[in-house]
Amino acid sequence: MFDKKKQPSVELAGEAAHASAVAQLRASFEAIPADATVRLAKKTSNLFRPREKAKVGLDVSGLTGVISIDADARTADVQGMCTYENLVDATLEHGLMPLVVPQLRTITLGGAVTGLGIESTSFKNGLPHESVLEMDILTGTGELLTASPTNEHADLFRAFPNSYGSLGYATRLRIELQPIGDLVETRNVRFASVAAMTRAIDAIVETREWQGERVDGLDGMIVSKDEAYLVLANFFPETRRRPSDYTGQNIFYKSISELDRDTLSAHDYIWRWDTDWFWCSDAFFAQNPKVRRVWPRKYRRSDFYHRIVGWENRWGFAAKIDEMRGELPRERVVQDVEVPLEQLETFMPWFDEHVGMTPVWVCPLRLRGDDAWPLYQLEPNRTYVNVGFWGTVAITPGRSDGDVNRDIEAVLPTMHGHKSLYSDVYYDAETFEELYGAAEYRRMKTKYDPQGRLPEFADKMRTHA
């Protein structure tokens, strides 16, 4: 038997503290001048695009916890600014986890619902908003409305995902939970082509098995045209191996090509990508063994790396060094895109030729229900694959900063694909509105924010238009 890592017991916020936090939030709304745009007053963000900081904003400082957990019903009432790190700590005490936990610890539940999220359970559980049963939303009129799939505000409930705070802010969300054991076993399956990987994904999505073994989590990476991996997770393994630790010297993504099978604690499986920000920590030398030994563990996490990126964006130290060395300037290409499964074999050769970044993350996705969501129009009953790629590419002579991102945006509609909006967006207004549900958005905006107090969806997203 292994020694489980003891996670600190999580103190739930409770209804009284939540009521007080909501009252504080509403008071801050009333204090914002009528002619000022209403924004959240928060210091941090997981977005990779410019975000205007509010001088006077909504006080969400009291909305960071888990209100209550009903382990029998497998539900939790959660405040909108609660990070998944805190949420997972609370639910694992009951042997439960959210149906979908985005990869990075400091993503908030409200942020994942209004801005989307994805992870290895998305092949069967869809996106985070699909496990929301109801939510309280502060709208642009200052009203606090409870929206559910069946009540009088069902239209707001359906339009809220991917609205990025332009229709309101979630203060409380009731979500479904699912069981998970204390250990997770993974199988790392290598494929010699994207075509072979595609066939395997199709079979696993259909049966939720691979070679007779259950599959509870499904994601992977593509290293090259002839080297790709799927990581198949079993949340209730029969074996009791001592779990691996990828928070120290070992690095998770490197283990995928080294081990056929692996075991992690449930906690460490959920955050397996966060320690090294997938593979992006290499850019900060955090994977160098000598540097890693002296790099404090508490700073081996995505939010710290994100802070370093923020410093670089502000001061441009690396860019200045590259310029001094006579190297080409570089364009940031940080994107997650969804393409239909059958288009993956077409997209990847295009990507290799026009972007050339490696490795890339792949995560299958299928909506849980039969209904589409108007502001992010994936087709029900169709399997997609999220392809994530994060880094920089050289700006070659004759090209301009942003051209590669524009190329990606241009090719996606030809393959019936979409891109997430957390990073750089270059679409013109007409194309953006066509792709992201402008008609329904405008109807919801008129109904729930008639005075335009909240930011405009397109204005927030199209930072490079």
Protein backbone atom coordinates (compact mmCIF):
# COMPACT_ATOMS: atom_id res chain seq x y z
CA MET A 1 0.00 0.00 0.00
CA PHE A 2 1.27 3.46 -0.80
CA ASP A 3 1.30 6.49 1.47
CA LYS A 4 -1.28 8.96 0.21
CA LYS A 5 -0.31 12.60 0.06
CA LYS A 6 -2.27 14.37 2.72
CA GLN A 7 -4.11 17.33 1.27
CA PRO A 8 -5.22 19.92 3.81
CA SER A 9 -8.86 19.71 4.81
CA VAL A 10 -10.89 22.30 2.94
CA GLU A 11 -13.12 24.65 4.88
CA LEU A 12 -16.35 25.28 2.98
CA ALA A 13 -17.58 28.85 2.67
CA GLY A 14 -21.16 28.18 3.73
CA GLU A 15 -24.38 29.97 2.85
CA ALA A 16 -23.99 32.89 5.28
CA ALA A 17 -20.54 33.86 4.00
CA HIS A 18 -21.77 33.52 0.44
CA ALA A 19 -24.73 35.82 1.09
CA SER A 20 -22.38 38.39 2.60
CA ALA A 21 -20.02 38.16 -0.41
CA VAL A 22 -22.91 38.64 -2.83
CA ALA A 23 -24.08 41.71 -0.89
CA GLN A 24 -20.52 43.08 -1.12
CA LEU A 25 -20.49 42.40 -4.86
CA ARG A 26 -23.79 44.19 -5.42
CA ALA A 27 -22.65 47.17 -3.36
CA SER A 28 -19.56 47.44 -5.57
CA PHE A 29 -21.80 47.36 -8.65
CA GLU A 30 -23.83 50.27 -7.31
CA ALA A 31 -20.63 52.24 -6.65
CA ILE A 32 -19.51 52.09 -10.29
CA PRO A 33 -20.47 55.27 -12.17
CA ALA A 34 -23.40 54.82 -14.55
CA ASP A 35 -21.28 55.80 -17.54
CA ALA A 36 -18.43 53.40 -16.71
CA THR A 37 -18.05 49.88 -18.06
CA VAL A 38 -18.57 47.26 -15.38
CA ARG A 39 -15.56 44.93 -15.05
CA LEU A 40 -14.19 42.55 -12.47
CA ALA A 41 -11.67 44.02 -10.04
CA LYS A 42 -9.18 41.15 -10.05
CA LYS A 43 -5.40 41.10 -10.29
CA THR A 44 -4.79 37.84 -12.15
CA SER A 45 -5.98 36.24 -15.37
CA ASN A 46 -5.38 33.08 -17.41
CA LEU A 47 -5.99 34.96 -20.66
CA PHE A 48 -3.28 35.41 -23.27
CA ARG A 49 -4.49 38.70 -24.66
CA PRO A 50 -4.54 42.26 -23.35
CA ARG A 51 -7.05 42.79 -20.55
CA GLU A 52 -8.09 46.25 -19.50
CA LYS A 53 -7.78 46.58 -15.75
CA ALA A 54 -10.69 48.19 -13.99
CA LYS A 55 -9.85 51.19 -11.81
CA VAL A 56 -13.15 50.66 -9.99
CA GLY A 57 -14.67 47.23 -10.51
CA LEU A 58 -16.83 44.49 -9.11
CA ASP A 59 -15.55 43.25 -5.76
CA VAL A 60 -15.38 39.48 -6.14
CA SER A 61 -12.91 38.93 -3.30
CA GLY A 62 -15.47 37.01 -1.24
CA LEU A 63 -16.53 34.65 -4.03
CA THR A 64 -13.54 32.31 -4.09
CA GLY A 65 -14.76 29.23 -2.23
CA VAL A 66 -16.93 26.14 -2.30
CA ILE A 67 -20.26 26.83 -0.61
CA SER A 68 -21.38 23.24 -0.01
CA ILE A 69 -21.04 19.69 -1.30
CA ASP A 70 -23.81 17.10 -1.43
CA ALA A 71 -21.82 13.88 -1.73
CA ASP A 72 -24.94 11.71 -2.03
CA ALA A 73 -26.39 13.75 -4.88
CA ARG A 74 -22.90 14.28 -6.31
CA THR A 75 -23.34 18.03 -6.62
CA ALA A 76 -21.53 21.09 -5.33
CA ASP A 77 -22.54 24.72 -4.98
CA VAL A 78 -19.48 26.76 -5.89
CA GLN A 79 -18.71 30.47 -5.98
CA GLY A 80 -17.84 31.93 -9.35
CA MET A 81 -14.25 32.93 -8.55
CA CYS A 82 -13.34 29.62 -6.93
CA THR A 83 -10.27 28.15 -8.61
CA TYR A 84 -10.35 24.55 -9.74
CA GLU A 85 -7.41 23.96 -7.41
CA ASN A 86 -9.59 24.79 -4.40
CA LEU A 87 -12.63 23.05 -5.87
CA VAL A 88 -10.74 19.80 -6.52
CA ASP A 89 -9.23 19.83 -3.03
CA ALA A 90 -12.76 20.01 -1.61
CA THR A 91 -14.34 17.36 -3.80
CA LEU A 92 -11.51 14.80 -3.55
CA GLU A 93 -12.19 14.57 0.19
CA HIS A 94 -15.45 12.86 -0.86
CA GLY A 95 -13.91 10.73 -3.60
CA LEU A 96 -15.44 13.04 -6.20
CA MET A 97 -14.27 15.44 -8.88
CA PRO A 98 -15.96 17.88 -11.29
CA LEU A 99 -16.98 16.23 -14.55
CA VAL A 100 -14.38 18.28 -16.42
CA VAL A 101 -11.35 19.93 -14.77
CA PRO A 102 -9.42 22.29 -17.07
CA GLN A 103 -5.68 21.71 -17.10
CA LEU A 104 -4.47 24.68 -15.04
CA ARG A 105 -4.97 25.13 -11.31
CA THR A 106 -5.93 28.80 -11.21
CA ILE A 107 -8.68 28.69 -13.82
CA THR A 108 -11.89 29.57 -12.00
CA LEU A 109 -15.17 27.71 -12.34
CA GLY A 110 -16.97 30.87 -13.46
CA GLY A 111 -14.18 31.56 -15.94
CA ALA A 112 -14.35 28.06 -17.42
CA VAL A 113 -18.11 28.32 -17.87
CA THR A 114 -18.19 31.79 -19.39
CA GLY A 115 -14.96 31.19 -21.33
CA LEU A 116 -14.99 27.41 -21.93
CA GLY A 117 -12.54 24.72 -20.86
CA ILE A 118 -11.56 21.18 -21.77
CA GLU A 119 -9.73 18.17 -20.39
CA SER A 120 -9.32 14.42 -20.71
CA THR A 121 -12.89 13.63 -19.63
CA SER A 122 -14.34 15.83 -22.39
CA PHE A 123 -14.68 12.88 -24.77
CA LYS A 124 -17.63 11.77 -22.62
CA ASN A 125 -18.48 14.80 -20.42
CA GLY A 126 -18.19 17.62 -22.94
CA LEU A 127 -17.31 21.11 -21.67
CA PRO A 128 -17.52 22.46 -18.09
CA HIS A 129 -20.77 24.35 -18.68
CA GLU A 130 -22.55 21.12 -19.60
CA SER A 131 -22.34 19.88 -16.01
CA VAL A 132 -23.84 23.08 -14.58
CA LEU A 133 -27.34 22.52 -13.20
CA GLU A 134 -28.10 26.14 -12.38
CA MET A 135 -26.24 29.39 -11.73
CA ASP A 136 -26.81 32.79 -10.20
CA ILE A 137 -25.76 35.54 -12.61
CA LEU A 138 -25.30 39.25 -11.89
CA THR A 139 -26.50 40.93 -15.08
CA GLY A 140 -25.80 44.35 -16.53
CA THR A 141 -28.91 45.74 -14.86
CA GLY A 142 -27.59 44.81 -11.41
CA GLU A 143 -30.14 42.04 -11.01
CA LEU A 144 -29.10 38.68 -9.61
CA LEU A 145 -30.94 36.02 -11.61
CA THR A 146 -30.98 32.26 -11.18
CA ALA A 147 -30.71 30.62 -14.60
CA SER A 148 -31.26 26.94 -15.34
CA PRO A 149 -31.97 24.87 -18.46
CA THR A 150 -35.72 24.94 -17.78
CA ASN A 151 -36.64 28.15 -15.96
CA GLU A 152 -37.61 31.59 -17.29
CA HIS A 153 -33.95 32.50 -17.80
CA ALA A 154 -33.03 29.38 -19.79
CA ASP A 155 -32.05 31.61 -22.72
CA LEU A 156 -29.39 33.32 -20.57
CA PHE A 157 -28.25 29.92 -19.28
CA ARG A 158 -27.60 28.73 -22.84
CA ALA A 159 -26.00 31.95 -24.06
CA PHE A 160 -23.71 32.38 -21.06
CA PRO A 161 -20.97 29.91 -22.17
CA ASN A 162 -18.31 31.67 -24.25
CA SER A 163 -19.77 35.12 -23.49
CA TYR A 164 -16.66 36.10 -21.45
CA GLY A 165 -18.42 38.36 -18.96
CA SER A 166 -20.32 40.32 -21.61
CA LEU A 167 -23.71 39.03 -20.40
CA GLY A 168 -23.04 38.86 -16.67
CA TYR A 169 -20.94 37.30 -13.94
CA ALA A 170 -21.71 33.99 -12.22
CA THR A 171 -21.74 34.25 -8.43
CA ARG A 172 -22.88 30.68 -7.68
CA LEU A 173 -22.88 27.57 -9.83
CA ARG A 174 -24.37 24.22 -8.92
CA ILE A 175 -22.41 21.53 -10.74
CA GLU A 176 -22.47 17.77 -11.10
CA LEU A 177 -19.63 15.67 -9.71
CA GLN A 178 -18.32 12.24 -10.60
CA PRO A 179 -16.53 9.53 -8.59
CA ILE A 180 -12.78 9.00 -8.85
CA GLY A 181 -10.57 6.59 -6.93
CA ASP A 182 -7.49 7.58 -4.97
CA LEU A 183 -5.25 6.28 -7.77
CA VAL A 184 -5.38 6.71 -11.53
CA GLU A 185 -3.63 4.28 -13.89
CA THR A 186 -2.58 5.49 -17.33
CA ARG A 187 -1.66 3.64 -20.51
CA ASN A 188 0.55 5.49 -22.96
CA VAL A 189 -0.21 4.15 -26.42
CA ARG A 190 2.06 5.07 -29.32
CA PHE A 191 0.81 5.45 -32.91
CA ALA A 192 2.92 5.66 -36.04
CA SER A 193 0.58 8.09 -37.78
CA VAL A 194 -2.16 10.63 -37.11
CA ALA A 195 -4.48 8.37 -39.13
CA ALA A 196 -3.94 5.49 -36.71
CA MET A 197 -4.48 7.81 -33.75
CA THR A 198 -7.70 9.08 -35.33
CA ARG A 199 -9.08 5.56 -35.72
CA ALA A 200 -8.23 4.79 -32.10
CA ILE A 201 -9.97 7.95 -30.83
CA ASP A 202 -13.08 7.05 -32.80
CA ALA A 203 -13.17 3.57 -31.28
CA ILE A 204 -12.56 4.79 -27.72
CA VAL A 205 -15.24 7.49 -27.93
CA GLU A 206 -17.69 4.86 -29.16
CA THR A 207 -16.93 2.12 -26.62
CA ARG A 208 -15.12 3.97 -23.80
CA GLU A 209 -12.65 1.10 -23.86
CA TRP A 210 -9.35 0.20 -25.49
CA GLN A 211 -8.37 -3.43 -25.89
CA GLY A 212 -10.90 -4.46 -23.26
CA GLU A 213 -9.84 -1.93 -20.60
CA ARG A 214 -12.01 0.96 -19.45
CA VAL A 215 -11.06 4.51 -20.43
CA ASP A 216 -12.15 7.35 -18.12
CA GLY A 217 -9.73 9.98 -19.41
CA LEU A 218 -8.44 10.48 -22.95
CA ASP A 219 -5.87 12.94 -24.26
CA GLY A 220 -2.40 12.82 -25.77
CA MET A 221 0.21 14.54 -27.87
CA ILE A 222 1.51 14.56 -31.42
CA VAL A 223 5.30 14.76 -31.64
CA SER A 224 5.71 14.34 -35.40
CA LYS A 225 3.88 12.87 -38.38
CA ASP A 226 5.06 9.38 -37.38
CA GLU A 227 5.01 9.68 -33.57
CA ALA A 228 1.84 10.31 -31.61
CA TYR A 229 0.53 9.16 -28.23
CA LEU A 230 -2.78 8.74 -26.47
CA VAL A 231 -2.86 8.72 -22.67
CA LEU A 232 -5.69 6.46 -21.52
CA ALA A 233 -6.69 6.91 -17.88
CA ASN A 234 -8.54 4.44 -15.65
CA PHE A 235 -10.00 6.17 -12.59
CA PHE A 236 -10.58 2.86 -10.75
CA PRO A 237 -7.58 0.60 -11.40
CA GLU A 238 -7.38 -2.83 -9.81
CA THR A 239 -3.63 -2.60 -9.37
CA ARG A 240 -2.14 -0.70 -6.41
CA ARG A 241 1.22 0.49 -7.68
CA ARG A 242 3.10 3.21 -5.88
CA PRO A 243 2.24 6.44 -7.73
CA SER A 244 4.79 8.42 -9.70
CA ASP A 245 5.66 11.97 -8.67
CA TYR A 246 6.00 14.58 -11.43
CA THR A 247 6.23 17.58 -9.13
CA GLY A 248 9.95 16.97 -8.49
CA GLN A 249 12.73 16.13 -10.93
CA ASN A 250 10.64 13.94 -13.24
CA ILE A 251 8.58 15.59 -15.98
CA PHE A 252 5.19 14.22 -16.94
CA TYR A 253 5.11 14.75 -20.69
CA LYS A 254 8.50 13.08 -21.11
CA SER A 255 7.21 10.00 -19.31
CA ILE A 256 4.56 9.46 -21.99
CA SER A 257 7.13 8.24 -24.51
CA GLU A 258 9.15 6.39 -21.85
CA LEU A 259 6.50 4.34 -20.01
CA ASP A 260 3.81 2.01 -21.30
CA ARG A 261 1.86 2.27 -18.04
CA ASP A 262 2.00 4.62 -15.10
CA THR A 263 0.17 5.33 -11.86
CA LEU A 264 -0.55 8.71 -10.28
CA SER A 265 -2.56 9.81 -7.30
CA ALA A 266 -5.93 11.23 -8.35
CA HIS A 267 -4.77 14.69 -7.27
CA ASP A 268 -1.56 14.48 -9.29
CA TYR A 269 -3.33 13.08 -12.35
CA ILE A 270 -5.72 16.02 -12.39
CA TRP A 271 -2.80 18.49 -12.22
CA ARG A 272 -0.29 16.44 -14.24
CA TRP A 273 0.03 19.17 -16.87
CA ASP A 274 0.19 22.14 -14.51
CA THR A 275 3.64 21.58 -12.97
CA ASP A 276 5.43 22.16 -16.26
CA TRP A 277 2.60 24.04 -18.03
CA PHE A 278 2.45 21.04 -20.36
CA TRP A 279 5.99 21.41 -21.83
CA CYS A 280 6.20 25.21 -21.84
CA SER A 281 8.34 25.40 -18.69
CA ASP A 282 11.28 24.47 -20.90
CA ALA A 283 11.27 28.05 -22.20
CA PHE A 284 12.21 29.21 -18.68
CA PHE A 285 14.93 26.52 -18.26
CA ALA A 286 12.81 24.86 -15.57
CA GLN A 287 13.37 21.45 -17.19
CA ASN A 288 17.16 21.76 -17.00
CA PRO A 289 18.09 19.30 -14.20
CA LYS A 290 20.51 21.73 -12.55
CA VAL A 291 18.03 24.59 -12.61
CA ARG A 292 15.16 22.34 -11.57
CA ARG A 293 16.94 21.19 -8.43
CA VAL A 294 17.09 24.75 -7.10
CA TRP A 295 13.73 25.92 -8.51
CA PRO A 296 11.30 25.89 -5.56
CA ARG A 297 8.41 23.46 -6.05
CA LYS A 298 5.89 26.11 -5.10
CA TYR A 299 6.95 28.06 -8.20
CA ARG A 300 6.70 25.07 -10.55
CA ARG A 301 3.15 25.81 -11.60
CA SER A 302 1.33 27.44 -14.46
CA ASP A 303 0.39 30.72 -12.78
CA PHE A 304 4.03 31.49 -11.99
CA TYR A 305 5.11 30.78 -15.57
CA HIS A 306 2.20 32.94 -16.76
CA ARG A 307 3.57 35.74 -14.59
CA ILE A 308 6.97 35.40 -16.28
CA VAL A 309 5.27 35.68 -19.67
CA GLY A 310 3.57 38.84 -18.45
CA TRP A 311 6.91 40.34 -17.46
CA GLU A 312 8.32 39.48 -20.89
CA ASN A 313 5.32 41.00 -22.66
CA ARG A 314 5.82 44.16 -20.63
CA TRP A 315 9.59 44.53 -20.83
CA GLY A 316 10.62 42.41 -23.85
CA PHE A 317 13.93 41.18 -22.38
CA ALA A 318 14.07 38.01 -24.50
CA ALA A 319 13.07 39.89 -27.63
CA LYS A 320 15.87 42.42 -27.08
CA ILE A 321 18.42 39.64 -26.61
CA ASP A 322 17.23 37.94 -29.81
CA GLU A 323 17.57 41.24 -31.65
CA MET A 324 21.10 41.73 -30.35
CA ARG A 325 21.97 38.24 -31.61
CA GLY A 326 20.63 39.09 -35.06
CA GLU A 327 17.82 36.55 -34.81
CA LEU A 328 14.46 37.00 -36.49
CA PRO A 329 11.67 38.56 -34.43
CA ARG A 330 9.06 36.10 -33.21
CA GLU A 331 5.28 35.92 -33.27
CA ARG A 332 3.35 34.53 -30.33
CA VAL A 333 1.16 31.60 -31.38
CA VAL A 334 -0.83 30.48 -28.34
CA GLN A 335 -4.04 28.80 -29.43
CA ASP A 336 -6.46 25.95 -28.80
CA VAL A 337 -8.58 24.95 -31.77
CA GLU A 338 -11.26 22.32 -32.27
CA VAL A 339 -11.47 20.39 -35.52
CA PRO A 340 -13.82 17.52 -36.31
CA LEU A 341 -12.12 14.18 -35.73
CA GLU A 342 -12.27 13.29 -39.41
CA GLN A 343 -10.44 16.53 -40.25
CA LEU A 344 -7.47 15.89 -37.95
CA GLU A 345 -5.57 14.08 -40.73
CA THR A 346 -6.04 17.15 -42.94
CA PHE A 347 -5.33 19.78 -40.29
CA MET A 348 -2.05 18.35 -38.98
CA PRO A 349 -0.15 18.34 -42.32
CA TRP A 350 -1.35 21.90 -42.89
CA PHE A 351 -0.23 22.83 -39.37
CA ASP A 352 3.19 21.20 -39.82
CA GLU A 353 3.77 23.17 -43.01
CA HIS A 354 2.43 26.56 -41.95
CA VAL A 355 3.18 26.63 -38.19
CA GLY A 356 5.62 23.82 -37.48
CA MET A 357 5.33 23.80 -33.70
CA THR A 358 5.90 20.57 -31.79
CA PRO A 359 4.70 18.84 -29.74
CA VAL A 360 0.98 19.65 -29.76
CA TRP A 361 -1.66 18.56 -27.27
CA VAL A 362 -4.69 16.63 -28.49
CA CYS A 363 -7.88 16.20 -26.48
CA PRO A 364 -11.05 14.63 -27.94
CA LEU A 365 -14.32 16.37 -27.23
CA ARG A 366 -17.97 15.50 -27.72
CA LEU A 367 -20.93 17.49 -26.41
CA ARG A 368 -22.89 15.59 -23.76
CA GLY A 369 -26.32 16.57 -24.97
CA ASP A 370 -28.22 16.97 -28.22
CA ASP A 371 -28.42 20.76 -28.12
CA ALA A 372 -25.91 23.26 -29.49
CA TRP A 373 -24.71 26.27 -27.47
CA PRO A 374 -25.29 29.46 -29.45
CA LEU A 375 -22.02 31.34 -28.76
CA TYR A 376 -19.80 28.33 -29.47
CA GLN A 377 -21.46 26.30 -32.16
CA LEU A 378 -20.09 22.79 -32.02
CA GLU A 379 -22.34 20.19 -33.60
CA PRO A 380 -24.01 17.73 -31.20
CA ASN A 381 -23.27 14.04 -31.77
CA ARG A 382 -20.00 14.85 -33.52
CA THR A 383 -16.51 14.15 -32.18
CA TYR A 384 -13.98 16.97 -32.26
CA VAL A 385 -10.34 17.07 -31.29
CA ASN A 386 -8.88 20.03 -29.44
CA VAL A 387 -5.38 20.78 -30.73
CA GLY A 388 -3.37 22.98 -28.37
CA PHE A 389 -0.13 24.70 -29.37
CA TRP A 390 1.65 27.32 -27.34
CA GLY A 391 4.86 29.13 -28.17
CA THR A 392 6.42 31.44 -30.74
CA VAL A 393 7.45 31.18 -34.39
CA ALA A 394 9.95 33.22 -36.39
CA ILE A 395 8.56 36.10 -38.45
CA THR A 396 10.20 35.37 -41.79
CA PRO A 397 11.08 38.13 -44.29
CA GLY A 398 8.00 39.48 -46.05
CA ARG A 399 5.70 38.41 -43.21
CA SER A 400 4.28 40.47 -40.33
CA ASP A 401 3.53 39.82 -36.70
CA GLY A 402 0.12 38.12 -36.54
CA ASP A 403 0.21 36.52 -39.98
CA VAL A 404 0.52 32.95 -38.68
CA ASN A 405 -2.39 33.48 -36.31
CA ARG A 406 -4.42 34.88 -39.20
CA ASP A 407 -3.54 31.85 -41.31
CA ILE A 408 -4.86 29.56 -38.59
CA GLU A 409 -8.08 31.55 -38.30
CA ALA A 410 -8.56 31.44 -42.07
CA VAL A 411 -8.12 27.69 -42.44
CA LEU A 412 -10.32 26.59 -39.53
CA PRO A 413 -13.72 27.37 -41.12
CA THR A 414 -12.70 25.40 -44.23
CA MET A 415 -12.41 22.37 -41.94
CA HIS A 416 -15.56 23.15 -39.91
CA GLY A 417 -13.32 24.01 -36.97
CA HIS A 418 -13.37 26.65 -34.23
CA LYS A 419 -10.85 28.36 -32.00
CA SER A 420 -11.08 29.26 -28.34
CA LEU A 421 -10.98 32.96 -27.54
CA TYR A 422 -8.65 33.13 -24.55
CA SER A 423 -5.74 34.34 -26.69
CA ASP A 424 -5.03 36.52 -29.74
CA VAL A 425 -8.00 37.05 -32.08
CA TYR A 426 -7.65 38.67 -35.50
CA TYR A 427 -11.05 38.04 -37.11
CA ASP A 428 -12.75 41.02 -38.74
CA ALA A 429 -16.08 42.03 -37.21
CA GLU A 430 -18.27 40.35 -39.83
CA THR A 431 -16.45 37.01 -39.67
CA PHE A 432 -16.33 37.07 -35.88
CA GLU A 433 -20.06 37.64 -35.60
CA GLU A 434 -20.81 34.89 -38.09
CA LEU A 435 -18.67 32.35 -36.22
CA TYR A 436 -19.66 33.22 -32.66
CA GLY A 437 -23.43 33.60 -32.62
CA ALA A 438 -23.91 37.34 -33.01
CA ALA A 439 -27.69 37.22 -33.52
CA GLU A 440 -28.40 35.35 -30.28
CA TYR A 441 -25.77 37.36 -28.42
CA ARG A 442 -27.36 40.62 -29.50
CA ARG A 443 -30.79 39.39 -28.39
CA MET A 444 -29.42 38.43 -24.96
CA LYS A 445 -27.50 41.69 -24.65
CA THR A 446 -30.63 43.70 -25.31
CA LYS A 447 -32.61 41.68 -22.80
CA TYR A 448 -30.14 41.38 -19.93
CA ASP A 449 -27.85 44.40 -20.41
CA PRO A 450 -30.01 47.00 -22.18
CA GLN A 451 -27.88 49.94 -21.03
CA GLY A 452 -24.63 48.34 -22.20
CA ARG A 453 -23.01 48.41 -18.76
CA LEU A 454 -20.97 45.26 -19.42
CA PRO A 455 -18.19 45.00 -22.04
CA GLU A 456 -19.09 44.14 -25.61
CA PHE A 457 -18.27 40.54 -26.56
CA ALA A 458 -16.54 41.39 -29.87
CA ASP A 459 -14.64 44.32 -28.38
CA LYS A 460 -13.21 42.10 -25.63
CA MET A 461 -12.19 39.33 -28.00
CA ARG A 462 -10.94 41.08 -31.15
CA THR A 463 -7.84 42.64 -29.62
CA HIS A 464 -5.91 42.60 -32.92
CA ALA A 465 -8.66 43.61 -35.35
